[in-house]
């Protein structure tokens, strides 16, 4: 079974990519490889790229098993390549979020130009609870919500409900449920995206994200190195991952 479902809507002007491994839609290596492949097939006529999840949830995030010390380097390389590819592609992006949208799932969603959500949405970066950190979110959140809010979210690991997501500036539109969100997104796209030139949308999206794109392109590799060579050399980062996989409380040594 494919872990990414591709739909062409509005005569192919919009491509919808659904994370398809319910209920959690974990962004593991297999799913990321399929997603990268799909991104490589987006042609110049596409005006909008949408991401959503099948089932009740967007995504619980990246695979914790692939965060272990021996796997972290490849996991980060593969995950970060998705962001670099989307930056290079330049097409406007939209996330449609229902249910849990956590960790790497939230990073994918908040990377997007537009974030549509329904009342079931819960978004958070819980990596710190495992003794690790979220490289893309560490760059994206300060730019989108400001340093104070970013610090709170990244250092507490707590989740936000829809009203807070909207008030933070992350959300574009909020709907009552998944059905009305998809219907509302289609109407919004018809009104604001489809009448425009695909090439102009890409150029304008890249221009509006000059600093955003530069920040990610310049700093993602450095944070990956920091994660691998500093964080994963600590006892507690490895203990946090191990304890999660063993379904027990972590025993921190603060080092």
C-alpha atoms as a PDB file:
ATOM      1  CA  UNK A   1       0.000   0.000   0.000  1.00  0.00           C
ATOM      2  CA  UNK A   2       1.308   3.402  -0.949  1.00  0.00           C
ATOM      3  CA  UNK A   3       1.993   5.667   2.012  1.00  0.00           C
ATOM      4  CA  UNK A   4       1.292   8.747  -0.102  1.00  0.00           C
ATOM      5  CA  UNK A   5      -1.947   9.209  -2.029  1.00  0.00           C
ATOM      6  CA  UNK A   6      -1.758  11.687  -4.893  1.00  0.00           C
ATOM      7  CA  UNK A   7      -4.881  13.439  -6.167  1.00  0.00           C
ATOM      8  CA  UNK A   8      -5.060  15.882  -9.063  1.00  0.00           C
ATOM      9  CA  UNK A   9      -7.885  18.350  -8.544  1.00  0.00           C
ATOM     10  CA  UNK A  10      -9.123  21.357 -10.505  1.00  0.00           C
ATOM     11  CA  UNK A  11      -7.870  19.737 -13.732  1.00  0.00           C
ATOM     12  CA  UNK A  12      -4.442  19.158 -12.247  1.00  0.00           C
ATOM     13  CA  UNK A  13      -3.901  22.744 -11.173  1.00  0.00           C
ATOM     14  CA  UNK A  14      -3.824  21.564  -7.549  1.00  0.00           C
ATOM     15  CA  UNK A  15      -2.032  18.439  -6.328  1.00  0.00           C
ATOM     16  CA  UNK A  16      -3.179  16.966  -3.027  1.00  0.00           C
ATOM     17  CA  UNK A  17      -0.738  14.609  -1.276  1.00  0.00           C
ATOM     18  CA  UNK A  18      -2.260  12.628   1.597  1.00  0.00           C
ATOM     19  CA  UNK A  19      -0.140  10.938   4.263  1.00  0.00           C
ATOM     20  CA  UNK A  20      -1.583   7.443   4.174  1.00  0.00           C
ATOM     21  CA  UNK A  21      -0.638   5.285   7.151  1.00  0.00           C
ATOM     22  CA  UNK A  22      -3.524   5.807   9.579  1.00  0.00           C
ATOM     23  CA  UNK A  23      -4.146   6.250  12.337  1.00  0.00           C
ATOM     24  CA  UNK A  24      -0.852   7.952  13.139  1.00  0.00           C
ATOM     25  CA  UNK A  25       0.429   8.727   9.604  1.00  0.00           C
ATOM     26  CA  UNK A  26       3.988   8.440  10.929  1.00  0.00           C
ATOM     27  CA  UNK A  27       6.560  10.144   8.692  1.00  0.00           C
ATOM     28  CA  UNK A  28       8.958   7.215   8.521  1.00  0.00           C
ATOM     29  CA  UNK A  29      11.694   6.711   5.949  1.00  0.00           C
ATOM     30  CA  UNK A  30       9.390   4.906   3.536  1.00  0.00           C
ATOM     31  CA  UNK A  31       6.772   7.647   3.620  1.00  0.00           C
ATOM     32  CA  UNK A  32       9.374  10.393   3.261  1.00  0.00           C
ATOM     33  CA  UNK A  33      10.893   8.639   0.243  1.00  0.00           C
ATOM     34  CA  UNK A  34       7.478   8.413  -1.416  1.00  0.00           C
ATOM     35  CA  UNK A  35       6.776  12.055  -0.596  1.00  0.00           C
ATOM     36  CA  UNK A  36      10.106  13.113  -2.074  1.00  0.00           C
ATOM     37  CA  UNK A  37       9.313  11.157  -5.223  1.00  0.00           C
ATOM     38  CA  UNK A  38       5.944  12.861  -5.553  1.00  0.00           C
ATOM     39  CA  UNK A  39       7.487  16.292  -5.087  1.00  0.00           C
ATOM     40  CA  UNK A  40       9.878  15.481  -7.901  1.00  0.00           C
ATOM     41  CA  UNK A  41       6.927  14.989 -10.260  1.00  0.00           C
ATOM     42  CA  UNK A  42       5.247  18.370  -9.682  1.00  0.00           C
ATOM     43  CA  UNK A  43       5.193  20.193 -13.005  1.00  0.00           C
ATOM     44  CA  UNK A  44       5.261  23.914 -13.725  1.00  0.00           C
ATOM     45  CA  UNK A  45       1.502  24.161 -14.290  1.00  0.00           C
ATOM     46  CA  UNK A  46       0.668  23.289 -10.671  1.00  0.00           C
ATOM     47  CA  UNK A  47      -0.641  26.337  -8.807  1.00  0.00           C
ATOM     48  CA  UNK A  48      -0.927  24.828  -5.332  1.00  0.00           C
ATOM     49  CA  UNK A  49       0.404  21.816  -3.471  1.00  0.00           C
ATOM     50  CA  UNK A  50      -1.771  20.506  -0.628  1.00  0.00           C
ATOM     51  CA  UNK A  51      -0.852  18.176   2.243  1.00  0.00           C
ATOM     52  CA  UNK A  52      -3.317  16.306   4.427  1.00  0.00           C
ATOM     53  CA  UNK A  53      -3.655  13.012   6.271  1.00  0.00           C
ATOM     54  CA  UNK A  54      -5.988  10.084   5.786  1.00  0.00           C
ATOM     55  CA  UNK A  55      -8.090   9.000   8.745  1.00  0.00           C
ATOM     56  CA  UNK A  56      -8.700  11.210  11.763  1.00  0.00           C
ATOM     57  CA  UNK A  57      -5.211  12.688  12.118  1.00  0.00           C
ATOM     58  CA  UNK A  58      -2.727  14.673  10.050  1.00  0.00           C
ATOM     59  CA  UNK A  59       0.392  13.036  11.517  1.00  0.00           C
ATOM     60  CA  UNK A  60       1.849  12.079  14.882  1.00  0.00           C
ATOM     61  CA  UNK A  61       5.262  13.065  13.496  1.00  0.00           C
ATOM     62  CA  UNK A  62       8.464  11.346  12.416  1.00  0.00           C
ATOM     63  CA  UNK A  63       9.279   7.806  13.462  1.00  0.00           C
ATOM     64  CA  UNK A  64      10.764   7.787  16.972  1.00  0.00           C
ATOM     65  CA  UNK A  65      12.551   4.518  16.166  1.00  0.00           C
ATOM     66  CA  UNK A  66      14.418   6.388  13.427  1.00  0.00           C
ATOM     67  CA  UNK A  67      15.566   9.039  15.928  1.00  0.00           C
ATOM     68  CA  UNK A  68      18.003   6.658  17.617  1.00  0.00           C
ATOM     69  CA  UNK A  69      21.678   7.623  17.534  1.00  0.00           C
ATOM     70  CA  UNK A  70      22.547   5.214  14.724  1.00  0.00           C
ATOM     71  CA  UNK A  71      19.603   6.323  12.567  1.00  0.00           C
ATOM     72  CA  UNK A  72      19.316  10.055  13.330  1.00  0.00           C
ATOM     73  CA  UNK A  73      21.716  11.262  10.645  1.00  0.00           C
ATOM     74  CA  UNK A  74      19.874   9.565   7.784  1.00  0.00           C
ATOM     75  CA  UNK A  75      16.461  10.469   9.211  1.00  0.00           C
ATOM     76  CA  UNK A  76      17.353  14.165   9.412  1.00  0.00           C
ATOM     77  CA  UNK A  77      18.951  14.169   5.970  1.00  0.00           C
ATOM     78  CA  UNK A  78      15.858  12.612   4.423  1.00  0.00           C
ATOM     79  CA  UNK A  79      13.420  14.836   6.314  1.00  0.00           C
ATOM     80  CA  UNK A  80      15.304  18.065   5.653  1.00  0.00           C
ATOM     81  CA  UNK A  81      15.579  17.235   1.946  1.00  0.00           C
ATOM     82  CA  UNK A  82      11.790  17.517   1.760  1.00  0.00           C
ATOM     83  CA  UNK A  83      11.955  21.157   2.877  1.00  0.00           C
ATOM     84  CA  UNK A  84      14.822  21.938   0.530  1.00  0.00           C
ATOM     85  CA  UNK A  85      12.893  20.398  -2.370  1.00  0.00           C
ATOM     86  CA  UNK A  86       9.780  22.446  -1.580  1.00  0.00           C
ATOM     87  CA  UNK A  87      11.853  25.612  -1.381  1.00  0.00           C
ATOM     88  CA  UNK A  88      13.394  24.845  -4.761  1.00  0.00           C
ATOM     89  CA  UNK A  89      10.016  23.928  -6.239  1.00  0.00           C
ATOM     90  CA  UNK A  90       8.580  27.281  -5.191  1.00  0.00           C
ATOM     91  CA  UNK A  91       4.924  26.317  -5.625  1.00  0.00           C
ATOM     92  CA  UNK A  92       2.552  27.682  -2.962  1.00  0.00           C
ATOM     93  CA  UNK A  93       1.690  25.085  -0.331  1.00  0.00           C
ATOM     94  CA  UNK A  94      -1.324  24.418   1.904  1.00  0.00           C
ATOM     95  CA  UNK A  95      -1.845  22.061   4.840  1.00  0.00           C
ATOM     96  CA  UNK A  96      -5.308  20.731   5.716  1.00  0.00           C
ATOM     97  CA  UNK A  97      -5.123  19.668   9.361  1.00  0.00           C
ATOM     98  CA  UNK A  98      -7.501  17.515  11.358  1.00  0.00           C
ATOM     99  CA  UNK A  99      -6.710  15.749  14.611  1.00  0.00           C
ATOM    100  CA  UNK A 100      -3.177  15.352  15.926  1.00  0.00           C
ATOM    101  CA  UNK A 101      -0.474  17.256  14.044  1.00  0.00           C
ATOM    102  CA  UNK A 102       2.700  16.759  16.026  1.00  0.00           C
ATOM    103  CA  UNK A 103       6.470  16.871  15.681  1.00  0.00           C
ATOM    104  CA  UNK A 104       7.541  16.412  12.075  1.00  0.00           C
ATOM    105  CA  UNK A 105       3.890  16.531  11.040  1.00  0.00           C
ATOM    106  CA  UNK A 106       3.564  20.008  12.513  1.00  0.00           C
ATOM    107  CA  UNK A 107       6.824  21.056  10.877  1.00  0.00           C
ATOM    108  CA  UNK A 108       5.452  20.035   7.479  1.00  0.00           C
ATOM    109  CA  UNK A 109       2.198  21.882   8.168  1.00  0.00           C
ATOM    110  CA  UNK A 110       3.747  25.124   9.414  1.00  0.00           C
ATOM    111  CA  UNK A 111       6.195  25.193   6.521  1.00  0.00           C
ATOM    112  CA  UNK A 112       3.193  25.687   4.237  1.00  0.00           C
ATOM    113  CA  UNK A 113       2.049  29.095   3.023  1.00  0.00           C
ATOM    114  CA  UNK A 114      -1.513  28.361   4.103  1.00  0.00           C
ATOM    115  CA  UNK A 115      -2.790  26.356   7.075  1.00  0.00           C
ATOM    116  CA  UNK A 116      -6.440  25.286   7.127  1.00  0.00           C
ATOM    117  CA  UNK A 117      -7.689  23.406  10.181  1.00  0.00           C
ATOM    118  CA  UNK A 118     -10.819  22.152  11.858  1.00  0.00           C
ATOM    119  CA  UNK A 119     -11.913  22.068  15.494  1.00  0.00           C
ATOM    120  CA  UNK A 120     -10.315  18.672  16.088  1.00  0.00           C
ATOM    121  CA  UNK A 121      -6.824  19.967  15.294  1.00  0.00           C
ATOM    122  CA  UNK A 122      -4.125  19.755  17.956  1.00  0.00           C
ATOM    123  CA  UNK A 123      -0.643  20.989  17.066  1.00  0.00           C
ATOM    124  CA  UNK A 124       2.569  20.735  19.045  1.00  0.00           C
ATOM    125  CA  UNK A 125       6.315  20.051  19.018  1.00  0.00           C
ATOM    126  CA  UNK A 126       6.729  17.427  21.768  1.00  0.00           C
ATOM    127  CA  UNK A 127      10.348  16.563  20.930  1.00  0.00           C
ATOM    128  CA  UNK A 128      11.680  18.117  24.146  1.00  0.00           C
ATOM    129  CA  UNK A 129       9.680  15.525  26.120  1.00  0.00           C
ATOM    130  CA  UNK A 130      11.938  12.900  24.528  1.00  0.00           C
ATOM    131  CA  UNK A 131      15.076  14.876  25.304  1.00  0.00           C
ATOM    132  CA  UNK A 132      15.585  16.070  21.717  1.00  0.00           C
ATOM    133  CA  UNK A 133      14.671  19.134  19.631  1.00  0.00           C
ATOM    134  CA  UNK A 134      12.965  19.922  16.327  1.00  0.00           C
ATOM    135  CA  UNK A 135      15.377  21.488  13.792  1.00  0.00           C
ATOM    136  CA  UNK A 136      12.896  22.818  11.173  1.00  0.00           C
ATOM    137  CA  UNK A 137      10.479  24.108  13.826  1.00  0.00           C
ATOM    138  CA  UNK A 138      13.382  25.819  15.626  1.00  0.00           C
ATOM    139  CA  UNK A 139      13.809  27.939  12.494  1.00  0.00           C
ATOM    140  CA  UNK A 140      10.202  28.246  11.308  1.00  0.00           C
ATOM    141  CA  UNK A 141       8.385  29.086  14.543  1.00  0.00           C
ATOM    142  CA  UNK A 142      10.395  32.222  15.480  1.00  0.00           C
ATOM    143  CA  UNK A 143       9.724  33.608  11.993  1.00  0.00           C
ATOM    144  CA  UNK A 144       6.009  32.835  12.076  1.00  0.00           C
ATOM    145  CA  UNK A 145       4.963  33.392  15.696  1.00  0.00           C
ATOM    146  CA  UNK A 146       7.860  35.380  17.202  1.00  0.00           C
ATOM    147  CA  UNK A 147      10.648  34.281  19.516  1.00  0.00           C
ATOM    148  CA  UNK A 148       8.691  34.351  22.790  1.00  0.00           C
ATOM    149  CA  UNK A 149       5.897  32.096  21.535  1.00  0.00           C
ATOM    150  CA  UNK A 150       8.366  29.861  19.716  1.00  0.00           C
ATOM    151  CA  UNK A 151      10.410  29.415  22.903  1.00  0.00           C
ATOM    152  CA  UNK A 152       7.315  28.438  24.855  1.00  0.00           C
ATOM    153  CA  UNK A 153       6.170  25.852  22.331  1.00  0.00           C
ATOM    154  CA  UNK A 154       9.608  24.349  21.718  1.00  0.00           C
ATOM    155  CA  UNK A 155      10.679  24.210  25.379  1.00  0.00           C
ATOM    156  CA  UNK A 156       7.402  22.965  26.895  1.00  0.00           C
ATOM    157  CA  UNK A 157       6.355  20.525  24.177  1.00  0.00           C
ATOM    158  CA  UNK A 158       2.694  21.296  24.807  1.00  0.00           C
ATOM    159  CA  UNK A 159      -0.016  21.187  22.150  1.00  0.00           C
ATOM    160  CA  UNK A 160      -2.209  24.035  20.931  1.00  0.00           C
ATOM    161  CA  UNK A 161      -5.942  23.917  20.295  1.00  0.00           C
ATOM    162  CA  UNK A 162      -7.526  25.602  17.244  1.00  0.00           C
ATOM    163  CA  UNK A 163      -8.226  29.026  18.749  1.00  0.00           C
ATOM    164  CA  UNK A 164      -4.644  29.355  19.948  1.00  0.00           C
ATOM    165  CA  UNK A 165      -3.322  28.197  16.585  1.00  0.00           C
ATOM    166  CA  UNK A 166      -5.361  30.889  14.868  1.00  0.00           C
ATOM    167  CA  UNK A 167      -4.465  33.588  17.394  1.00  0.00           C
ATOM    168  CA  UNK A 168      -0.771  32.756  17.071  1.00  0.00           C
ATOM    169  CA  UNK A 169      -0.882  33.671  13.385  1.00  0.00           C
ATOM    170  CA  UNK A 170      -0.143  30.144  12.161  1.00  0.00           C
ATOM    171  CA  UNK A 171      -3.653  29.410  10.917  1.00  0.00           C
ATOM    172  CA  UNK A 172      -5.296  30.760   7.762  1.00  0.00           C
ATOM    173  CA  UNK A 173      -8.857  29.460   8.176  1.00  0.00           C
ATOM    174  CA  UNK A 174     -10.687  27.474  10.872  1.00  0.00           C
ATOM    175  CA  UNK A 175     -13.690  25.234  10.200  1.00  0.00           C
ATOM    176  CA  UNK A 176     -16.080  23.184  12.323  1.00  0.00           C
ATOM    177  CA  UNK A 177     -15.132  19.784  10.922  1.00  0.00           C
ATOM    178  CA  UNK A 178     -13.114  17.976   8.269  1.00  0.00           C
ATOM    179  CA  UNK A 179     -15.879  18.001   5.674  1.00  0.00           C
ATOM    180  CA  UNK A 180     -16.477  21.738   5.903  1.00  0.00           C
ATOM    181  CA  UNK A 181     -12.715  22.360   5.928  1.00  0.00           C
ATOM    182  CA  UNK A 182     -12.224  20.560   2.612  1.00  0.00           C
ATOM    183  CA  UNK A 183     -15.259  22.270   1.091  1.00  0.00           C
ATOM    184  CA  UNK A 184     -14.081  25.644   2.369  1.00  0.00           C
ATOM    185  CA  UNK A 185     -10.546  25.047   1.112  1.00  0.00           C
ATOM    186  CA  UNK A 186     -11.843  24.194  -2.366  1.00  0.00           C
ATOM    187  CA  UNK A 187     -13.919  27.386  -2.459  1.00  0.00           C
ATOM    188  CA  UNK A 188     -10.972  29.457  -1.237  1.00  0.00           C
ATOM    189  CA  UNK A 189      -8.653  27.950  -3.838  1.00  0.00           C
ATOM    190  CA  UNK A 190     -11.178  28.587  -6.609  1.00  0.00           C
ATOM    191  CA  UNK A 191     -11.475  32.222  -5.582  1.00  0.00           C
ATOM    192  CA  UNK A 192      -7.902  33.144  -4.736  1.00  0.00           C
ATOM    193  CA  UNK A 193      -5.526  30.695  -6.473  1.00  0.00           C
ATOM    194  CA  UNK A 194      -6.967  29.280  -9.686  1.00  0.00           C
ATOM    195  CA  UNK A 195      -7.445  32.643 -11.482  1.00  0.00           C
ATOM    196  CA  UNK A 196      -3.729  33.376 -11.188  1.00  0.00           C
ATOM    197  CA  UNK A 197      -0.694  32.426 -13.273  1.00  0.00           C
ATOM    198  CA  UNK A 198       1.200  29.390 -11.986  1.00  0.00           C
ATOM    199  CA  UNK A 199       4.568  30.925 -12.876  1.00  0.00           C
ATOM    200  CA  UNK A 200       3.692  34.230 -11.224  1.00  0.00           C
ATOM    201  CA  UNK A 201       2.483  32.436  -8.090  1.00  0.00           C
ATOM    202  CA  UNK A 202       5.796  30.620  -7.790  1.00  0.00           C
ATOM    203  CA  UNK A 203       7.839  33.768  -8.275  1.00  0.00           C
ATOM    204  CA  UNK A 204       5.680  35.742  -5.839  1.00  0.00           C
ATOM    205  CA  UNK A 205       5.795  32.930  -3.255  1.00  0.00           C
ATOM    206  CA  UNK A 206       9.581  32.790  -3.479  1.00  0.00           C
ATOM    207  CA  UNK A 207       9.860  36.563  -3.252  1.00  0.00           C
ATOM    208  CA  UNK A 208       7.593  36.784  -0.214  1.00  0.00           C
ATOM    209  CA  UNK A 209       9.686  34.109   1.474  1.00  0.00           C
ATOM    210  CA  UNK A 210      13.095  35.563   0.733  1.00  0.00           C
ATOM    211  CA  UNK A 211      14.200  35.605   4.381  1.00  0.00           C
ATOM    212  CA  UNK A 212      12.242  32.478   5.318  1.00  0.00           C
ATOM    213  CA  UNK A 213      13.818  30.404   2.541  1.00  0.00           C
ATOM    214  CA  UNK A 214      17.281  31.807   3.154  1.00  0.00           C
ATOM    215  CA  UNK A 215      17.028  30.995   6.848  1.00  0.00           C
ATOM    216  CA  UNK A 216      16.050  27.369   6.273  1.00  0.00           C
ATOM    217  CA  UNK A 217      18.457  26.809   3.387  1.00  0.00           C
ATOM    218  CA  UNK A 218      21.364  28.279   5.360  1.00  0.00           C
ATOM    219  CA  UNK A 219      20.709  26.802   8.795  1.00  0.00           C
ATOM    220  CA  UNK A 220      19.036  23.398   8.444  1.00  0.00           C
ATOM    221  CA  UNK A 221      22.308  21.571   7.826  1.00  0.00           C
ATOM    222  CA  UNK A 222      23.934  23.285  10.780  1.00  0.00           C
ATOM    223  CA  UNK A 223      21.117  22.268  13.112  1.00  0.00           C
ATOM    224  CA  UNK A 224      21.309  18.709  11.787  1.00  0.00           C
ATOM    225  CA  UNK A 225      25.021  18.658  12.674  1.00  0.00           C
ATOM    226  CA  UNK A 226      24.233  20.135  16.105  1.00  0.00           C
ATOM    227  CA  UNK A 227      21.599  17.431  16.641  1.00  0.00           C
ATOM    228  CA  UNK A 228      23.889  14.565  15.626  1.00  0.00           C
ATOM    229  CA  UNK A 229      27.235  15.727  17.030  1.00  0.00           C
ATOM    230  CA  UNK A 230      26.084  17.470  20.214  1.00  0.00           C
ATOM    231  CA  UNK A 231      22.604  16.348  21.236  1.00  0.00           C
ATOM    232  CA  UNK A 232      22.939  12.650  20.392  1.00  0.00           C
ATOM    233  CA  UNK A 233      26.228  12.493  22.282  1.00  0.00           C
ATOM    234  CA  UNK A 234      24.351  13.189  25.521  1.00  0.00           C
ATOM    235  CA  UNK A 235      22.958  10.509  27.808  1.00  0.00           C
ATOM    236  CA  UNK A 236      19.549  12.115  28.123  1.00  0.00           C
ATOM    237  CA  UNK A 237      18.759  12.396  24.413  1.00  0.00           C
ATOM    238  CA  UNK A 238      19.425   8.692  23.986  1.00  0.00           C
ATOM    239  CA  UNK A 239      17.560   7.866  27.196  1.00  0.00           C
ATOM    240  CA  UNK A 240      14.541   9.874  26.058  1.00  0.00           C
ATOM    241  CA  UNK A 241      14.262   7.986  22.779  1.00  0.00           C
ATOM    242  CA  UNK A 242      14.952   4.624  24.423  1.00  0.00           C
ATOM    243  CA  UNK A 243      12.392   5.168  27.199  1.00  0.00           C
ATOM    244  CA  UNK A 244       9.710   6.119  24.671  1.00  0.00           C
ATOM    245  CA  UNK A 245      10.325   2.966  22.658  1.00  0.00           C
ATOM    246  CA  UNK A 246      10.313   0.902  25.861  1.00  0.00           C
ATOM    247  CA  UNK A 247       7.125   2.660  27.059  1.00  0.00           C
ATOM    248  CA  UNK A 248       8.538   3.835  30.374  1.00  0.00           C
ATOM    249  CA  UNK A 249       9.416   7.098  32.068  1.00  0.00           C
ATOM    250  CA  UNK A 250      12.864   8.491  31.219  1.00  0.00           C
ATOM    251  CA  UNK A 251      15.581   8.480  33.854  1.00  0.00           C
ATOM    252  CA  UNK A 252      17.352  11.786  33.249  1.00  0.00           C
ATOM    253  CA  UNK A 253      20.971  12.328  34.342  1.00  0.00           C
ATOM    254  CA  UNK A 254      20.958  15.948  33.144  1.00  0.00           C
ATOM    255  CA  UNK A 255      23.911  15.307  30.908  1.00  0.00           C
END
